[in-house]
Amino acid sequence: MLHLPVTVPTEEQALRFAYALARSLALVPGVEIAGATVSAEDAQHVRRWVFCDRILPDRRRCRARADHDGPCDPV
């Protein structure tokens, strides 16, 4: 588990940053990008998924952004 505090003006910018960071680390063994979440400092118990968390029939997770339109894209 890794928590990385960053300061950004909006939640949307935090989600974009987390998405880019997670995608850049996707090839590192042991990093599960589908588990990335974002929360406010004063509400860490309320997390927003960065990626869609659906598990696909082959047990892989969707790599599209959370709340995406269209079909899921396997990792």
Protein backbone atom coordinates (compact mmCIF):
# COMPACT_ATOMS: atom_id res chain seq x y z
CA MET A 1 0.00 0.00 0.00
CA LEU A 2 1.35 3.42 -0.94
CA HIS A 3 -0.18 6.78 -0.11
CA LEU A 4 1.22 9.73 -2.03
CA PRO A 5 0.04 13.13 -0.79
CA VAL A 6 -0.10 15.78 -3.52
CA THR A 7 -1.69 19.22 -3.61
CA VAL A 8 -3.93 20.05 -6.55
CA PRO A 9 -6.76 22.59 -6.85
CA THR A 10 -9.56 20.18 -7.80
CA GLU A 11 -10.58 16.57 -7.44
CA GLU A 12 -10.68 16.24 -11.24
CA GLN A 13 -7.03 17.30 -11.45
CA ALA A 14 -6.16 14.80 -8.72
CA LEU A 15 -7.89 12.05 -10.70
CA ARG A 16 -6.02 13.01 -13.89
CA PHE A 17 -2.69 13.07 -12.04
CA ALA A 18 -3.36 9.70 -10.40
CA TYR A 19 -4.39 8.22 -13.77
CA ALA A 20 -1.19 9.42 -15.48
CA LEU A 21 1.02 8.30 -12.59
CA ALA A 22 -0.59 4.87 -12.37
CA ARG A 23 -0.33 4.31 -16.14
CA SER A 24 3.36 5.26 -16.02
CA LEU A 25 3.93 2.61 -13.31
CA ALA A 26 1.85 -0.11 -14.98
CA LEU A 27 4.86 -2.19 -16.05
CA VAL A 28 6.44 -2.24 -12.58
CA PRO A 29 5.94 -5.70 -11.03
CA GLY A 30 3.60 -5.64 -8.06
CA VAL A 31 1.84 -2.39 -8.99
CA GLU A 32 -1.91 -2.91 -9.38
CA ILE A 33 -3.03 0.22 -11.20
CA ALA A 34 -6.69 -0.76 -11.07
CA GLY A 35 -6.63 -0.27 -7.30
CA ALA A 36 -5.69 3.43 -7.47
CA THR A 37 -8.00 5.79 -5.58
CA VAL A 38 -8.09 9.51 -4.76
CA SER A 39 -9.34 11.13 -1.55
CA ALA A 40 -9.31 14.54 0.08
CA GLU A 41 -6.88 15.00 2.96
CA ASP A 42 -9.67 15.66 5.45
CA ALA A 43 -11.87 12.80 4.17
CA GLN A 44 -9.50 9.92 3.49
CA HIS A 45 -12.25 7.41 4.21
CA VAL A 46 -14.12 8.68 1.11
CA ARG A 47 -12.24 7.41 -1.94
CA ARG A 48 -12.91 7.83 -5.65
CA TRP A 49 -11.72 5.11 -7.99
CA VAL A 50 -9.31 6.30 -10.69
CA PHE A 51 -9.99 3.29 -12.92
CA CYS A 52 -13.14 1.29 -13.54
CA ASP A 53 -13.13 -1.48 -10.95
CA ARG A 54 -15.13 -4.04 -12.93
CA ILE A 55 -13.64 -7.52 -13.04
CA LEU A 56 -13.92 -8.97 -16.54
CA PRO A 57 -14.78 -12.61 -17.36
CA ASP A 58 -11.08 -13.55 -17.65
CA ARG A 59 -10.50 -12.13 -14.10
CA ARG A 60 -8.58 -9.07 -15.36
CA ARG A 61 -9.75 -5.60 -14.42
CA CYS A 62 -10.90 -2.84 -16.74
CA ARG A 63 -8.17 -0.24 -17.40
CA ALA A 64 -10.54 2.53 -18.49
CA ARG A 65 -11.26 5.49 -16.23
CA ALA A 66 -13.93 5.13 -13.57
CA ASP A 67 -17.45 5.94 -14.83
CA HIS A 68 -16.36 5.49 -18.46
CA ASP A 69 -18.81 5.15 -21.33
CA GLY A 70 -18.78 2.11 -23.56
CA PRO A 71 -17.36 -1.36 -23.01
CA CYS A 72 -14.62 -2.18 -20.53
CA ASP A 73 -11.00 -2.41 -21.68
CA PRO A 74 -8.96 -5.21 -20.03
CA VAL A 75 -5.60 -4.45 -18.40
